[in-house]
């Protein structure tokens, strides 16, 4: 009986940790703050232009 209680506590703690982790993951969403407020620069040239840097 003690094993079942111990297993139930472990399952509850693991499930609670998973729920808390899921909620925290939503609040800390992945975004790139270094790109906030920037504009992309359109490349000069045509579609056939080669770029040595790529």
N, C-alpha and C. Protein backbone atom coordinates (compact mmCIF):
# COMPACT_ATOMS: atom_id res chain seq x y z
N UNK A 1 0.82 -1.19 0.00
CA UNK A 1 0.00 0.00 0.00
C UNK A 1 0.86 1.26 0.00
N UNK A 2 1.98 1.21 0.71
CA UNK A 2 2.87 2.37 0.77
C UNK A 2 3.49 2.65 -0.59
N UNK A 3 3.71 1.60 -1.36
CA UNK A 3 4.30 1.79 -2.69
C UNK A 3 3.31 2.53 -3.59
N UNK A 4 2.04 2.19 -3.51
CA UNK A 4 1.03 2.87 -4.33
C UNK A 4 0.92 4.35 -3.98
N UNK A 5 0.97 4.67 -2.69
CA UNK A 5 0.88 6.06 -2.26
C UNK A 5 2.09 6.84 -2.75
N UNK A 6 3.26 6.22 -2.63
CA UNK A 6 4.49 6.86 -3.08
C UNK A 6 4.44 7.09 -4.59
N UNK A 7 3.95 6.09 -5.32
CA UNK A 7 3.86 6.21 -6.78
C UNK A 7 2.84 7.29 -7.15
N UNK A 8 1.75 7.39 -6.42
CA UNK A 8 0.74 8.41 -6.69
C UNK A 8 1.28 9.82 -6.45
N UNK A 9 2.08 9.97 -5.41
CA UNK A 9 2.68 11.29 -5.14
C UNK A 9 3.66 11.66 -6.24
N UNK A 10 4.44 10.69 -6.64
CA UNK A 10 5.41 10.97 -7.72
C UNK A 10 4.69 11.35 -9.01
N UNK A 11 3.62 10.63 -9.32
CA UNK A 11 2.87 10.94 -10.54
C UNK A 11 2.24 12.33 -10.45
N UNK A 12 1.73 12.67 -9.27
CA UNK A 12 1.12 14.00 -9.10
C UNK A 12 2.17 15.10 -9.22
N UNK A 13 3.34 14.89 -8.62
CA UNK A 13 4.39 15.89 -8.73
C UNK A 13 4.89 16.03 -10.16
N UNK A 14 5.04 14.90 -10.84
CA UNK A 14 5.50 14.95 -12.23
C UNK A 14 4.46 15.63 -13.12
N UNK A 15 3.18 15.30 -12.92
CA UNK A 15 2.12 15.93 -13.70
C UNK A 15 2.02 17.42 -13.41
N UNK A 16 2.15 17.78 -12.12
CA UNK A 16 2.11 19.20 -11.76
C UNK A 16 3.26 19.97 -12.35
N UNK A 17 4.44 19.35 -12.35
CA UNK A 17 5.61 20.00 -12.96
C UNK A 17 5.43 20.18 -14.46
N UNK A 18 4.80 19.20 -15.09
CA UNK A 18 4.57 19.30 -16.54
C UNK A 18 3.59 20.43 -16.85
N UNK A 19 2.56 20.57 -16.03
CA UNK A 19 1.58 21.65 -16.26
C UNK A 19 2.23 23.01 -16.04
N UNK A 20 2.99 23.15 -14.96
CA UNK A 20 3.67 24.42 -14.68
C UNK A 20 4.67 24.74 -15.79
N UNK A 21 5.41 23.73 -16.24
CA UNK A 21 6.36 23.94 -17.33
C UNK A 21 5.68 24.37 -18.61
N UNK A 22 4.53 23.78 -18.90
CA UNK A 22 3.78 24.16 -20.10
C UNK A 22 3.29 25.59 -20.03
N UNK A 23 2.81 26.00 -18.86
CA UNK A 23 2.35 27.38 -18.71
C UNK A 23 3.50 28.38 -18.81
N UNK A 24 4.63 28.04 -18.21
CA UNK A 24 5.78 28.94 -18.28
C UNK A 24 6.35 29.02 -19.70
N UNK A 25 6.26 27.93 -20.44
CA UNK A 25 6.74 27.93 -21.82
C UNK A 25 5.92 28.90 -22.66
N UNK A 26 4.62 28.96 -22.42
CA UNK A 26 3.78 29.89 -23.18
C UNK A 26 4.11 31.34 -22.85
N UNK A 27 4.43 31.61 -21.58
CA UNK A 27 4.71 33.00 -21.20
C UNK A 27 6.08 33.46 -21.70
N UNK A 28 7.01 32.53 -21.84
CA UNK A 28 8.34 32.86 -22.37
C UNK A 28 8.44 32.35 -23.80
N UNK A 29 7.62 32.89 -24.69
CA UNK A 29 7.60 32.42 -26.06
C UNK A 29 8.89 32.81 -26.78
N UNK A 30 9.23 32.01 -27.76
CA UNK A 30 10.48 32.27 -28.47
C UNK A 30 10.26 33.39 -29.49
N UNK A 31 10.98 34.43 -29.33
CA UNK A 31 10.98 35.52 -30.29
C UNK A 31 12.39 36.08 -30.32
N UNK A 32 12.73 36.71 -31.40
CA UNK A 32 14.08 37.24 -31.53
C UNK A 32 14.03 38.74 -31.25
N UNK A 33 14.37 39.16 -30.04
CA UNK A 33 14.26 40.58 -29.72
C UNK A 33 15.24 41.45 -30.48
N UNK A 34 16.29 40.87 -31.04
CA UNK A 34 17.25 41.68 -31.79
C UNK A 34 16.67 42.13 -33.13
N UNK A 35 15.58 41.49 -33.57
CA UNK A 35 14.97 41.87 -34.85
C UNK A 35 13.77 42.78 -34.68
N UNK A 36 13.38 43.07 -33.44
CA UNK A 36 12.22 43.93 -33.21
C UNK A 36 12.50 45.35 -33.70
N UNK A 37 11.59 45.89 -34.49
CA UNK A 37 11.72 47.26 -34.97
C UNK A 37 12.70 47.43 -36.11
N UNK A 38 13.07 46.35 -36.78
CA UNK A 38 14.01 46.46 -37.90
C UNK A 38 13.26 46.22 -39.21
N UNK A 39 13.87 46.63 -40.29
CA UNK A 39 13.31 46.41 -41.61
C UNK A 39 14.27 45.51 -42.38
N UNK A 40 13.72 44.66 -43.22
CA UNK A 40 14.59 43.85 -44.06
C UNK A 40 15.01 44.67 -45.28
N UNK A 41 16.21 44.45 -45.74
CA UNK A 41 16.75 45.18 -46.89
C UNK A 41 16.58 44.30 -48.12
N UNK A 42 15.95 44.85 -49.13
CA UNK A 42 15.78 44.08 -50.36
C UNK A 42 17.11 44.01 -51.11
N UNK A 43 17.45 42.84 -51.61
CA UNK A 43 18.72 42.70 -52.33
C UNK A 43 18.70 43.44 -53.66
N UNK A 44 19.86 43.92 -54.06
CA UNK A 44 20.01 44.60 -55.34
C UNK A 44 20.36 43.55 -56.39
N UNK A 45 19.73 43.63 -57.52
CA UNK A 45 20.04 42.70 -58.59
C UNK A 45 18.80 41.93 -59.02
N UNK A 46 19.03 40.99 -59.90
CA UNK A 46 17.93 40.18 -60.42
C UNK A 46 18.03 38.77 -59.84
N UNK A 47 17.13 37.91 -60.28
CA UNK A 47 17.13 36.55 -59.74
C UNK A 47 18.35 35.76 -60.19
N UNK A 48 18.97 36.16 -61.28
CA UNK A 48 20.13 35.43 -61.77
C UNK A 48 21.45 35.91 -61.19
N UNK A 49 21.42 36.91 -60.32
CA UNK A 49 22.65 37.45 -59.74
C UNK A 49 23.22 36.49 -58.71
N UNK A 50 24.50 36.18 -58.81
CA UNK A 50 25.15 35.30 -57.85
C UNK A 50 25.67 36.11 -56.67
N UNK A 51 25.65 35.50 -55.52
CA UNK A 51 26.14 36.15 -54.32
C UNK A 51 27.24 35.27 -53.73
N UNK A 52 28.45 35.79 -53.66
CA UNK A 52 29.56 35.00 -53.13
C UNK A 52 29.43 34.74 -51.63
N UNK A 53 28.66 35.53 -50.94
CA UNK A 53 28.54 35.38 -49.49
C UNK A 53 27.58 34.27 -49.10
N UNK A 54 26.81 33.76 -50.05
CA UNK A 54 25.81 32.76 -49.67
C UNK A 54 26.29 31.36 -49.75
